[in-house]
Amino acid sequence: MYPKAAPSVAEATVLKPNATRRTPAAIGQFGEEDLFTFEVTRAGRYVIDTKGPTDVVMKLFGPNSPTALIAEDDDSGVDYNARIAADLVNGRYYAQVRHYNRASGKGNYTIRVWRS
């Protein structure tokens, strides 16, 4: 599921569900993809979203698999941001974020995951 330009699973940025602050991130080069991971220890409905001026697309993989696609989203968040809401069971999940325009898109955004 991951192109060669994407970070490896071992390089994924860890997100803490229900963190009080959003995690800052950026698509710094054309075609770059960011990878995040988080652990669900209490099953339920979770929301993963991005905020910022950058038009991003997000995919959610898991549980315990970086290739089992659960959901993907383009613009369900505010403006051009991605938002996925899903019922998740215990396990490790991976959120892959890329710019909508792979050829010439880059910019800053933030990401957060919480149990709703």
PDB file of N, CA and C in Angstrom:
ATOM      1  N   MET A   1       0.812  -1.202   0.000  1.00  0.00           N
ATOM      2  CA  MET A   1       0.000   0.000   0.000  1.00  0.00           C
ATOM      3  C   MET A   1       0.854   1.263   0.000  1.00  0.00           C
ATOM      4  N   TYR A   2       2.087   1.167   0.456  1.00  0.00           N
ATOM      5  CA  TYR A   2       2.913   2.352   0.579  1.00  0.00           C
ATOM      6  C   TYR A   2       3.897   2.458  -0.573  1.00  0.00           C
ATOM      7  N   PRO A   3       3.933   3.583  -1.254  1.00  0.00           N
ATOM      8  CA  PRO A   3       4.970   3.786  -2.270  1.00  0.00           C
ATOM      9  C   PRO A   3       6.339   3.915  -1.613  1.00  0.00           C
ATOM     10  N   LYS A   4       7.380   3.823  -2.387  1.00  0.00           N
ATOM     11  CA  LYS A   4       8.740   3.891  -1.863  1.00  0.00           C
ATOM     12  C   LYS A   4       9.038   5.233  -1.194  1.00  0.00           C
ATOM     13  N   ALA A   5       8.306   6.296  -1.541  1.00  0.00           N
ATOM     14  CA  ALA A   5       8.551   7.620  -0.961  1.00  0.00           C
ATOM     15  C   ALA A   5       8.039   7.732   0.470  1.00  0.00           C
ATOM     16  N   ALA A   6       7.205   6.792   0.892  1.00  0.00           N
ATOM     17  CA  ALA A   6       6.610   6.875   2.226  1.00  0.00           C
ATOM     18  C   ALA A   6       7.581   6.401   3.297  1.00  0.00           C
ATOM     19  N   PRO A   7       7.438   6.924   4.529  1.00  0.00           N
ATOM     20  CA  PRO A   7       8.283   6.437   5.620  1.00  0.00           C
ATOM     21  C   PRO A   7       7.937   4.985   5.948  1.00  0.00           C
ATOM     22  N   SER A   8       8.867   4.271   6.541  1.00  0.00           N
ATOM     23  CA  SER A   8       8.600   2.893   6.948  1.00  0.00           C
ATOM     24  C   SER A   8       7.759   2.898   8.221  1.00  0.00           C
ATOM     25  N   VAL A   9       7.197   1.741   8.538  1.00  0.00           N
ATOM     26  CA  VAL A   9       6.385   1.605   9.742  1.00  0.00           C
ATOM     27  C   VAL A   9       7.206   1.965  10.976  1.00  0.00           C
ATOM     28  N   ALA A  10       8.480   1.609  10.986  1.00  0.00           N
ATOM     29  CA  ALA A  10       9.344   1.909  12.127  1.00  0.00           C
ATOM     30  C   ALA A  10       9.574   3.414  12.289  1.00  0.00           C
ATOM     31  N   GLU A  11       9.429   4.177  11.219  1.00  0.00           N
ATOM     32  CA  GLU A  11       9.647   5.626  11.254  1.00  0.00           C
ATOM     33  C   GLU A  11       8.363   6.424  11.515  1.00  0.00           C
ATOM     34  N   ALA A  12       7.249   5.737  11.697  1.00  0.00           N
ATOM     35  CA  ALA A  12       5.969   6.415  11.888  1.00  0.00           C
ATOM     36  C   ALA A  12       5.975   7.271  13.147  1.00  0.00           C
ATOM     37  N   THR A  13       5.386   8.449  13.059  1.00  0.00           N
ATOM     38  CA  THR A  13       5.248   9.350  14.202  1.00  0.00           C
ATOM     39  C   THR A  13       4.126   8.837  15.097  1.00  0.00           C
ATOM     40  N   VAL A  14       4.392   8.721  16.381  1.00  0.00           N
ATOM     41  CA  VAL A  14       3.406   8.201  17.331  1.00  0.00           C
ATOM     42  C   VAL A  14       2.444   9.307  17.739  1.00  0.00           C
ATOM     43  N   LEU A  15       1.155   9.023  17.622  1.00  0.00           N
ATOM     44  CA  LEU A  15       0.096   9.917  18.091  1.00  0.00           C
ATOM     45  C   LEU A  15      -0.490   9.340  19.370  1.00  0.00           C
ATOM     46  N   LYS A  16      -0.795  10.209  20.305  1.00  0.00           N
ATOM     47  CA  LYS A  16      -1.431   9.777  21.548  1.00  0.00           C
ATOM     48  C   LYS A  16      -2.921  10.111  21.452  1.00  0.00           C
ATOM     49  N   PRO A  17      -3.794   9.088  21.464  1.00  0.00           N
ATOM     50  CA  PRO A  17      -5.227   9.386  21.426  1.00  0.00           C
ATOM     51  C   PRO A  17      -5.628  10.302  22.588  1.00  0.00           C
ATOM     52  N   ASN A  18      -6.502  11.240  22.295  1.00  0.00           N
ATOM     53  CA  ASN A  18      -7.039  12.199  23.257  1.00  0.00           C
ATOM     54  C   ASN A  18      -6.002  13.170  23.794  1.00  0.00           C
ATOM     55  N   ALA A  19      -4.922  13.375  23.057  1.00  0.00           N
ATOM     56  CA  ALA A  19      -3.922  14.368  23.465  1.00  0.00           C
ATOM     57  C   ALA A  19      -4.557  15.752  23.472  1.00  0.00           C
ATOM     58  N   THR A  20      -4.116  16.601  24.384  1.00  0.00           N
ATOM     59  CA  THR A  20      -4.694  17.943  24.466  1.00  0.00           C
ATOM     60  C   THR A  20      -4.220  18.846  23.327  1.00  0.00           C
ATOM     61  N   ARG A  21      -3.047  18.556  22.785  1.00  0.00           N
ATOM     62  CA  ARG A  21      -2.522  19.364  21.671  1.00  0.00           C
ATOM     63  C   ARG A  21      -2.455  18.545  20.397  1.00  0.00           C
ATOM     64  N   ARG A  22      -2.691  19.212  19.300  1.00  0.00           N
ATOM     65  CA  ARG A  22      -2.581  18.587  17.992  1.00  0.00           C
ATOM     66  C   ARG A  22      -1.106  18.400  17.647  1.00  0.00           C
ATOM     67  N   THR A  23      -0.795  17.420  16.846  1.00  0.00           N
ATOM     68  CA  THR A  23       0.585  17.158  16.427  1.00  0.00           C
ATOM     69  C   THR A  23       0.877  17.916  15.132  1.00  0.00           C
ATOM     70  N   PRO A  24       1.872  18.818  15.131  1.00  0.00           N
ATOM     71  CA  PRO A  24       2.211  19.549  13.907  1.00  0.00           C
ATOM     72  C   PRO A  24       2.950  18.647  12.917  1.00  0.00           C
ATOM     73  N   ALA A  25       2.686  18.871  11.632  1.00  0.00           N
ATOM     74  CA  ALA A  25       3.335  18.103  10.576  1.00  0.00           C
ATOM     75  C   ALA A  25       3.397  18.950   9.312  1.00  0.00           C
ATOM     76  N   ALA A  26       4.107  18.458   8.312  1.00  0.00           N
ATOM     77  CA  ALA A  26       4.221  19.198   7.056  1.00  0.00           C
ATOM     78  C   ALA A  26       4.553  18.255   5.919  1.00  0.00           C
ATOM     79  N   ILE A  27       3.998  18.555   4.773  1.00  0.00           N
ATOM     80  CA  ILE A  27       4.405  17.926   3.522  1.00  0.00           C
ATOM     81  C   ILE A  27       5.447  18.881   2.958  1.00  0.00           C
ATOM     82  N   GLY A  28       6.722  18.532   3.105  1.00  0.00           N
ATOM     83  CA  GLY A  28       7.809  19.440   2.759  1.00  0.00           C
ATOM     84  C   GLY A  28       8.313  19.322   1.336  1.00  0.00           C
ATOM     85  N   GLN A  29       8.010  18.193   0.682  1.00  0.00           N
ATOM     86  CA  GLN A  29       8.459  17.976  -0.689  1.00  0.00           C
ATOM     87  C   GLN A  29       7.306  17.414  -1.506  1.00  0.00           C
ATOM     88  N   PHE A  30       7.316  17.692  -2.782  1.00  0.00           N
ATOM     89  CA  PHE A  30       6.288  17.159  -3.663  1.00  0.00           C
ATOM     90  C   PHE A  30       6.308  15.626  -3.599  1.00  0.00           C
ATOM     91  N   GLY A  31       5.140  15.023  -3.462  1.00  0.00           N
ATOM     92  CA  GLY A  31       5.033  13.570  -3.428  1.00  0.00           C
ATOM     93  C   GLY A  31       5.303  12.941  -2.078  1.00  0.00           C
ATOM     94  N   GLU A  32       5.688  13.736  -1.077  1.00  0.00           N
ATOM     95  CA  GLU A  32       5.974  13.210   0.262  1.00  0.00           C
ATOM     96  C   GLU A  32       4.709  12.660   0.907  1.00  0.00           C
ATOM     97  N   GLU A  33       4.870  11.609   1.693  1.00  0.00           N
ATOM     98  CA  GLU A  33       3.772  11.052   2.468  1.00  0.00           C
ATOM     99  C   GLU A  33       4.226  10.924   3.916  1.00  0.00           C
ATOM    100  N   ASP A  34       3.360  11.285   4.834  1.00  0.00           N
ATOM    101  CA  ASP A  34       3.656  11.177   6.255  1.00  0.00           C
ATOM    102  C   ASP A  34       2.911   9.975   6.815  1.00  0.00           C
ATOM    103  N   LEU A  35       3.518   9.306   7.783  1.00  0.00           N
ATOM    104  CA  LEU A  35       2.904   8.139   8.395  1.00  0.00           C
ATOM    105  C   LEU A  35       2.865   8.321   9.909  1.00  0.00           C
ATOM    106  N   PHE A  36       1.693   8.076  10.475  1.00  0.00           N
ATOM    107  CA  PHE A  36       1.466   8.198  11.915  1.00  0.00           C
ATOM    108  C   PHE A  36       0.942   6.874  12.435  1.00  0.00           C
ATOM    109  N   THR A  37       1.168   6.605  13.710  1.00  0.00           N
ATOM    110  CA  THR A  37       0.650   5.395  14.323  1.00  0.00           C
ATOM    111  C   THR A  37       0.061   5.734  15.690  1.00  0.00           C
ATOM    112  N   PHE A  38      -0.934   4.963  16.089  1.00  0.00           N
ATOM    113  CA  PHE A  38      -1.513   5.130  17.426  1.00  0.00           C
ATOM    114  C   PHE A  38      -2.076   3.799  17.880  1.00  0.00           C
ATOM    115  N   GLU A  39      -2.175   3.668  19.204  1.00  0.00           N
ATOM    116  CA  GLU A  39      -2.650   2.437  19.824  1.00  0.00           C
ATOM    117  C   GLU A  39      -4.040   2.666  20.411  1.00  0.00           C
ATOM    118  N   VAL A  40      -4.961   1.772  20.089  1.00  0.00           N
ATOM    119  CA  VAL A  40      -6.297   1.788  20.682  1.00  0.00           C
ATOM    120  C   VAL A  40      -6.299   0.738  21.782  1.00  0.00           C
ATOM    121  N   THR A  41      -6.525   1.176  23.016  1.00  0.00           N
ATOM    122  CA  THR A  41      -6.582   0.252  24.157  1.00  0.00           C
ATOM    123  C   THR A  41      -7.997   0.115  24.703  1.00  0.00           C
ATOM    124  N   ARG A  42      -8.883   0.937  24.162  1.00  0.00           N
ATOM    125  CA  ARG A  42     -10.294   0.897  24.559  1.00  0.00           C
ATOM    126  C   ARG A  42     -11.123   1.032  23.289  1.00  0.00           C
ATOM    127  N   ALA A  43     -11.770  -0.054  22.870  1.00  0.00           N
ATOM    128  CA  ALA A  43     -12.539  -0.055  21.627  1.00  0.00           C
ATOM    129  C   ALA A  43     -13.622   1.015  21.658  1.00  0.00           C
ATOM    130  N   GLY A  44     -13.936   1.545  20.499  1.00  0.00           N
ATOM    131  CA  GLY A  44     -14.979   2.550  20.401  1.00  0.00           C
ATOM    132  C   GLY A  44     -14.848   3.354  19.130  1.00  0.00           C
ATOM    133  N   ARG A  45     -15.584   4.449  19.060  1.00  0.00           N
ATOM    134  CA  ARG A  45     -15.564   5.330  17.890  1.00  0.00           C
ATOM    135  C   ARG A  45     -14.424   6.330  18.053  1.00  0.00           C
ATOM    136  N   TYR A  46     -13.558   6.381  17.062  1.00  0.00           N
ATOM    137  CA  TYR A  46     -12.412   7.290  17.064  1.00  0.00           C
ATOM    138  C   TYR A  46     -12.486   8.206  15.855  1.00  0.00           C
ATOM    139  N   VAL A  47     -11.973   9.415  16.029  1.00  0.00           N
ATOM    140  CA  VAL A  47     -11.904  10.388  14.946  1.00  0.00           C
ATOM    141  C   VAL A  47     -10.440  10.764  14.757  1.00  0.00           C
ATOM    142  N   ILE A  48     -10.000  10.723  13.512  1.00  0.00           N
ATOM    143  CA  ILE A  48      -8.658  11.166  13.144  1.00  0.00           C
ATOM    144  C   ILE A  48      -8.867  12.294  12.147  1.00  0.00           C
ATOM    145  N   ASP A  49      -8.325  13.478  12.432  1.00  0.00           N
ATOM    146  CA  ASP A  49      -8.531  14.576  11.488  1.00  0.00           C
ATOM    147  C   ASP A  49      -7.290  15.438  11.362  1.00  0.00           C
ATOM    148  N   THR A  50      -7.261  16.192  10.272  1.00  0.00           N
ATOM    149  CA  THR A  50      -6.188  17.155  10.035  1.00  0.00           C
ATOM    150  C   THR A  50      -6.795  18.548  10.021  1.00  0.00           C
ATOM    151  N   LYS A  51      -5.962  19.530  10.324  1.00  0.00           N
ATOM    152  CA  LYS A  51      -6.376  20.935  10.243  1.00  0.00           C
ATOM    153  C   LYS A  51      -5.214  21.732   9.695  1.00  0.00           C
ATOM    154  N   GLY A  52      -5.542  22.804   8.993  1.00  0.00           N
ATOM    155  CA  GLY A  52      -4.511  23.671   8.441  1.00  0.00           C
ATOM    156  C   GLY A  52      -4.830  24.068   7.012  1.00  0.00           C
ATOM    157  N   PRO A  53      -3.942  24.830   6.389  1.00  0.00           N
ATOM    158  CA  PRO A  53      -4.189  25.362   5.052  1.00  0.00           C
ATOM    159  C   PRO A  53      -3.852  24.391   3.915  1.00  0.00           C
ATOM    160  N   THR A  54      -3.347  23.210   4.242  1.00  0.00           N
ATOM    161  CA  THR A  54      -2.879  22.282   3.224  1.00  0.00           C
ATOM    162  C   THR A  54      -3.959  21.272   2.857  1.00  0.00           C
ATOM    163  N   ASP A  55      -4.168  21.061   1.564  1.00  0.00           N
ATOM    164  CA  ASP A  55      -5.155  20.121   1.048  1.00  0.00           C
ATOM    165  C   ASP A  55      -4.574  18.710   1.125  1.00  0.00           C
ATOM    166  N   VAL A  56      -5.003  17.930   2.114  1.00  0.00           N
ATOM    167  CA  VAL A  56      -4.441  16.598   2.318  1.00  0.00           C
ATOM    168  C   VAL A  56      -5.476  15.494   2.135  1.00  0.00           C
ATOM    169  N   VAL A  57      -4.962  14.296   1.884  1.00  0.00           N
ATOM    170  CA  VAL A  57      -5.745  13.074   1.768  1.00  0.00           C
ATOM    171  C   VAL A  57      -5.198  12.120   2.823  1.00  0.00           C
ATOM    172  N   MET A  58      -6.098  11.379   3.500  1.00  0.00           N
ATOM    173  CA  MET A  58      -5.664  10.481   4.563  1.00  0.00           C
ATOM    174  C   MET A  58      -6.230   9.080   4.355  1.00  0.00           C
ATOM    175  N   LYS A  59      -5.414   8.069   4.686  1.00  0.00           N
ATOM    176  CA  LYS A  59      -5.843   6.672   4.698  1.00  0.00           C
ATOM    177  C   LYS A  59      -5.593   6.115   6.089  1.00  0.00           C
ATOM    178  N   LEU A  60      -6.490   5.247   6.545  1.00  0.00           N
ATOM    179  CA  LEU A  60      -6.353   4.604   7.852  1.00  0.00           C
ATOM    180  C   LEU A  60      -6.207   3.104   7.643  1.00  0.00           C
ATOM    181  N   PHE A  61      -5.160   2.511   8.267  1.00  0.00           N
ATOM    182  CA  PHE A  61      -4.878   1.088   8.156  1.00  0.00           C
ATOM    183  C   PHE A  61      -4.886   0.449   9.538  1.00  0.00           C
ATOM    184  N   GLY A  62      -5.216  -0.852   9.600  1.00  0.00           N
ATOM    185  CA  GLY A  62      -5.155  -1.582  10.860  1.00  0.00           C
ATOM    186  C   GLY A  62      -6.294  -2.570  10.966  1.00  0.00           C
ATOM    187  N   PRO A  63      -6.547  -3.128  12.133  1.00  0.00           N
ATOM    188  CA  PRO A  63      -5.685  -3.079  13.303  1.00  0.00           C
ATOM    189  C   PRO A  63      -4.477  -4.010  13.138  1.00  0.00           C
ATOM    190  N   ASN A  64      -3.371  -3.593  13.674  1.00  0.00           N
ATOM    191  CA  ASN A  64      -2.126  -4.363  13.675  1.00  0.00           C
ATOM    192  C   ASN A  64      -1.636  -4.729  12.283  1.00  0.00           C
ATOM    193  N   SER A  65      -1.999  -3.920  11.302  1.00  0.00           N
ATOM    194  CA  SER A  65      -1.560  -4.158   9.934  1.00  0.00           C
ATOM    195  C   SER A  65      -1.363  -2.825   9.222  1.00  0.00           C
ATOM    196  N   PRO A  66      -0.174  -2.565   8.688  1.00  0.00           N
ATOM    197  CA  PRO A  66       0.048  -1.324   7.951  1.00  0.00           C
ATOM    198  C   PRO A  66      -0.452  -1.386   6.511  1.00  0.00           C
ATOM    199  N   THR A  67      -1.082  -2.518   6.113  1.00  0.00           N
ATOM    200  CA  THR A  67      -1.569  -2.644   4.733  1.00  0.00           C
ATOM    201  C   THR A  67      -3.064  -2.925   4.627  1.00  0.00           C
ATOM    202  N   ALA A  68      -3.742  -3.206   5.737  1.00  0.00           N
ATOM    203  CA  ALA A  68      -5.183  -3.475   5.702  1.00  0.00           C
ATOM    204  C   ALA A  68      -5.938  -2.147   5.770  1.00  0.00           C
ATOM    205  N   LEU A  69      -6.423  -1.685   4.623  1.00  0.00           N
ATOM    206  CA  LEU A  69      -7.097  -0.386   4.540  1.00  0.00           C
ATOM    207  C   LEU A  69      -8.467  -0.435   5.195  1.00  0.00           C
ATOM    208  N   ILE A  70      -8.699   0.485   6.131  1.00  0.00           N
ATOM    209  CA  ILE A  70      -9.993   0.591   6.811  1.00  0.00           C
ATOM    210  C   ILE A  70     -10.838   1.669   6.156  1.00  0.00           C
ATOM    211  N   ALA A  71     -10.230   2.832   5.920  1.00  0.00           N
ATOM    212  CA  ALA A  71     -10.970   3.968   5.364  1.00  0.00           C
ATOM    213  C   ALA A  71     -10.000   4.953   4.741  1.00  0.00           C
ATOM    214  N   GLU A  72     -10.540   5.806   3.867  1.00  0.00           N
ATOM    215  CA  GLU A  72      -9.759   6.909   3.321  1.00  0.00           C
ATOM    216  C   GLU A  72     -10.665   8.107   3.130  1.00  0.00           C
ATOM    217  N   ASP A  73     -10.069   9.299   3.169  1.00  0.00           N
ATOM    218  CA  ASP A  73     -10.861  10.516   3.058  1.00  0.00           C
ATOM    219  C   ASP A  73     -10.049  11.629   2.424  1.00  0.00           C
ATOM    220  N   ASP A  74     -10.778  12.511   1.731  1.00  0.00           N
ATOM    221  CA  ASP A  74     -10.148  13.670   1.113  1.00  0.00           C
ATOM    222  C   ASP A  74     -10.582  14.952   1.816  1.00  0.00           C
ATOM    223  N   ASP A  75     -11.834  15.324   1.741  1.00  0.00           N
ATOM    224  CA  ASP A  75     -12.264  16.644   2.214  1.00  0.00           C
ATOM    225  C   ASP A  75     -13.408  16.624   3.222  1.00  0.00           C
ATOM    226  N   SER A  76     -13.514  15.618   4.061  1.00  0.00           N
ATOM    227  CA  SER A  76     -14.607  15.583   5.041  1.00  0.00           C
ATOM    228  C   SER A  76     -14.367  16.485   6.242  1.00  0.00           C
ATOM    229  N   GLY A  77     -13.135  16.956   6.415  1.00  0.00           N
ATOM    230  CA  GLY A  77     -12.818  17.865   7.511  1.00  0.00           C
ATOM    231  C   GLY A  77     -13.105  19.302   7.121  1.00  0.00           C
ATOM    232  N   VAL A  78     -12.606  20.237   7.911  1.00  0.00           N
ATOM    233  CA  VAL A  78     -12.779  21.669   7.655  1.00  0.00           C
ATOM    234  C   VAL A  78     -11.997  22.042   6.400  1.00  0.00           C
ATOM    235  N   ASP A  79     -12.636  22.789   5.507  1.00  0.00           N
ATOM    236  CA  ASP A  79     -12.038  23.216   4.234  1.00  0.00           C
ATOM    237  C   ASP A  79     -11.527  22.001   3.461  1.00  0.00           C
ATOM    238  N   TYR A  80     -10.222  21.947   3.192  1.00  0.00           N
ATOM    239  CA  TYR A  80      -9.655  20.847   2.405  1.00  0.00           C
ATOM    240  C   TYR A  80      -8.965  19.806   3.270  1.00  0.00           C
ATOM    241  N   ASN A  81      -9.368  19.690   4.512  1.00  0.00           N
ATOM    242  CA  ASN A  81      -8.742  18.753   5.432  1.00  0.00           C
ATOM    243  C   ASN A  81      -9.459  17.403   5.433  1.00  0.00           C
ATOM    244  N   ALA A  82      -8.712  16.387   5.853  1.00  0.00           N
ATOM    245  CA  ALA A  82      -9.234  15.027   5.912  1.00  0.00           C
ATOM    246  C   ALA A  82      -9.775  14.730   7.304  1.00  0.00           C
ATOM    247  N   ARG A  83     -10.804  13.871   7.345  1.00  0.00           N
ATOM    248  CA  ARG A  83     -11.396  13.457   8.624  1.00  0.00           C
ATOM    249  C   ARG A  83     -11.956  12.058   8.451  1.00  0.00           C
ATOM    250  N   ILE A  84     -11.527  11.163   9.334  1.00  0.00           N
ATOM    251  CA  ILE A  84     -12.052   9.794   9.334  1.00  0.00           C
ATOM    252  C   ILE A  84     -12.614   9.511  10.710  1.00  0.00           C
ATOM    253  N   ALA A  85     -13.843   9.026  10.765  1.00  0.00           N
ATOM    254  CA  ALA A  85     -14.478   8.570  12.002  1.00  0.00           C
ATOM    255  C   ALA A  85     -14.800   7.093  11.804  1.00  0.00           C
ATOM    256  N   ALA A  86     -14.307   6.246  12.718  1.00  0.00           N
ATOM    257  CA  ALA A  86     -14.496   4.807  12.558  1.00  0.00           C
ATOM    258  C   ALA A  86     -14.575   4.120  13.904  1.00  0.00           C
ATOM    259  N   ASP A  87     -15.314   3.016  13.941  1.00  0.00           N
ATOM    260  CA  ASP A  87     -15.371   2.180  15.134  1.00  0.00           C
ATOM    261  C   ASP A  87     -14.145   1.275  15.099  1.00  0.00           C
ATOM    262  N   LEU A  88     -13.269   1.425  16.104  1.00  0.00           N
ATOM    263  CA  LEU A  88     -12.019   0.694  16.124  1.00  0.00           C
ATOM    264  C   LEU A  88     -11.957  -0.254  17.318  1.00  0.00           C
ATOM    265  N   VAL A  89     -11.355  -1.418  17.103  1.00  0.00           N
ATOM    266  CA  VAL A  89     -11.121  -2.387  18.175  1.00  0.00           C
ATOM    267  C   VAL A  89      -9.695  -2.180  18.689  1.00  0.00           C
ATOM    268  N   ASN A  90      -9.337  -2.847  19.760  1.00  0.00           N
ATOM    269  CA  ASN A  90      -7.989  -2.717  20.315  1.00  0.00           C
ATOM    270  C   ASN A  90      -6.950  -3.121  19.276  1.00  0.00           C
ATOM    271  N   GLY A  91      -5.848  -2.377  19.258  1.00  0.00           N
ATOM    272  CA  GLY A  91      -4.764  -2.697  18.334  1.00  0.00           C
ATOM    273  C   GLY A  91      -4.029  -1.446  17.891  1.00  0.00           C
ATOM    274  N   ARG A  92      -3.043  -1.636  17.012  1.00  0.00           N
ATOM    275  CA  ARG A  92      -2.237  -0.536  16.461  1.00  0.00           C
ATOM    276  C   ARG A  92      -2.803  -0.153  15.100  1.00  0.00           C
ATOM    277  N   TYR A  93      -2.884   1.157  14.881  1.00  0.00           N
ATOM    278  CA  TYR A  93      -3.413   1.704  13.628  1.00  0.00           C
ATOM    279  C   TYR A  93      -2.392   2.639  13.004  1.00  0.00           C
ATOM    280  N   TYR A  94      -2.515   2.830  11.707  1.00  0.00           N
ATOM    281  CA  TYR A  94      -1.599   3.679  10.937  1.00  0.00           C
ATOM    282  C   TYR A  94      -2.412   4.647  10.094  1.00  0.00           C
ATOM    283  N   ALA A  95      -2.060   5.924  10.168  1.00  0.00           N
ATOM    284  CA  ALA A  95      -2.701   6.957   9.352  1.00  0.00           C
ATOM    285  C   ALA A  95      -1.649   7.504   8.389  1.00  0.00           C
ATOM    286  N   GLN A  96      -1.930   7.403   7.112  1.00  0.00           N
ATOM    287  CA  GLN A  96      -1.030   7.901   6.071  1.00  0.00           C
ATOM    288  C   GLN A  96      -1.618   9.198   5.518  1.00  0.00           C
ATOM    289  N   VAL A  97      -0.815  10.256   5.472  1.00  0.00           N
ATOM    290  CA  VAL A  97      -1.278  11.557   4.990  1.00  0.00           C
ATOM    291  C   VAL A  97      -0.383  12.007   3.845  1.00  0.00           C
ATOM    292  N   ARG A  98      -1.016  12.485   2.777  1.00  0.00           N
ATOM    293  CA  ARG A  98      -0.283  13.035   1.644  1.00  0.00           C
ATOM    294  C   ARG A  98      -1.042  14.245   1.114  1.00  0.00           C
ATOM    295  N   HIS A  99      -0.363  15.064   0.328  1.00  0.00           N
ATOM    296  CA  HIS A  99      -1.017  16.206  -0.294  1.00  0.00           C
ATOM    297  C   HIS A  99      -1.911  15.708  -1.418  1.00  0.00           C
ATOM    298  N   TYR A 100      -3.023  16.381  -1.638  1.00  0.00           N
ATOM    299  CA  TYR A 100      -3.929  16.012  -2.722  1.00  0.00           C
ATOM    300  C   TYR A 100      -3.211  16.066  -4.069  1.00  0.00           C
ATOM    301  N   ASN A 101      -2.405  17.102  -4.264  1.00  0.00           N
ATOM    302  CA  ASN A 101      -1.663  17.275  -5.510  1.00  0.00           C
ATOM    303  C   ASN A 101      -0.259  16.704  -5.330  1.00  0.00           C
ATOM    304  N   ARG A 102      -0.060  15.456  -5.717  1.00  0.00           N
ATOM    305  CA  ARG A 102       1.235  14.790  -5.524  1.00  0.00           C
ATOM    306  C   ARG A 102       2.353  15.459  -6.317  1.00  0.00           C
ATOM    307  N   ALA A 103       2.024  16.072  -7.444  1.00  0.00           N
ATOM    308  CA  ALA A 103       3.056  16.632  -8.322  1.00  0.00           C
ATOM    309  C   ALA A 103       3.608  17.963  -7.829  1.00  0.00           C
ATOM    310  N   SER A 104       2.764  18.782  -7.185  1.00  0.00           N
ATOM    311  CA  SER A 104       3.257  20.108  -6.808  1.00  0.00           C
ATOM    312  C   SER A 104       2.719  20.620  -5.475  1.00  0.00           C
ATOM    313  N   GLY A 105       2.155  19.735  -4.655  1.00  0.00           N
ATOM    314  CA  GLY A 105       1.583  20.191  -3.391  1.00  0.00           C
ATOM    315  C   GLY A 105       2.489  19.984  -2.201  1.00  0.00           C
ATOM    316  N   LYS A 106       2.524  20.985  -1.334  1.00  0.00           N
ATOM    317  CA  LYS A 106       3.223  20.868  -0.057  1.00  0.00           C
ATOM    318  C   LYS A 106       2.638  21.897   0.900  1.00  0.00           C
ATOM    319  N   GLY A 107       2.926  21.732   2.194  1.00  0.00           N
ATOM    320  CA  GLY A 107       2.424  22.682   3.173  1.00  0.00           C
ATOM    321  C   GLY A 107       2.280  22.070   4.554  1.00  0.00           C
ATOM    322  N   ASN A 108       1.921  22.914   5.520  1.00  0.00           N
ATOM    323  CA  ASN A 108       1.793  22.523   6.922  1.00  0.00           C
ATOM    324  C   ASN A 108       0.374  22.077   7.248  1.00  0.00           C
ATOM    325  N   TYR A 109       0.265  21.245   8.282  1.00  0.00           N
ATOM    326  CA  TYR A 109      -1.027  20.820   8.810  1.00  0.00           C
ATOM    327  C   TYR A 109      -0.794  20.277  10.218  1.00  0.00           C
ATOM    328  N   THR A 110      -1.873  20.002  10.915  1.00  0.00           N
ATOM    329  CA  THR A 110      -1.791  19.303  12.208  1.00  0.00           C
ATOM    330  C   THR A 110      -2.695  18.098  12.142  1.00  0.00           C
ATOM    331  N   ILE A 111      -2.448  17.127  13.024  1.00  0.00           N
ATOM    332  CA  ILE A 111      -3.256  15.903  13.056  1.00  0.00           C
ATOM    333  C   ILE A 111      -3.556  15.562  14.509  1.00  0.00           C
ATOM    334  N   ARG A 112      -4.714  14.945  14.714  1.00  0.00           N
ATOM    335  CA  ARG A 112      -5.126  14.552  16.059  1.00  0.00           C
ATOM    336  C   ARG A 112      -6.024  13.333  15.976  1.00  0.00           C
ATOM    337  N   VAL A 113      -5.979  12.479  16.996  1.00  0.00           N
ATOM    338  CA  VAL A 113      -6.883  11.337  17.112  1.00  0.00           C
ATOM    339  C   VAL A 113      -7.515  11.360  18.500  1.00  0.00           C
ATOM    340  N   TRP A 114      -8.816  11.114  18.543  1.00  0.00           N
ATOM    341  CA  TRP A 114      -9.499  11.073  19.837  1.00  0.00           C
ATOM    342  C   TRP A 114     -10.672  10.110  19.790  1.00  0.00           C
ATOM    343  N   ARG A 115     -11.036   9.640  20.973  1.00  0.00           N
ATOM    344  CA  ARG A 115     -12.197   8.754  21.117  1.00  0.00           C
ATOM    345  C   ARG A 115     -13.408   9.640  21.303  1.00  0.00           C
ATOM    346  N   SER A 116     -14.373   9.469  20.418  1.00  0.00           N
ATOM    347  CA  SER A 116     -15.546  10.359  20.496  1.00  0.00           C
ATOM    348  C   SER A 116     -16.679   9.753  21.298  1.00  0.00           C
TER     349      SER A 116
END
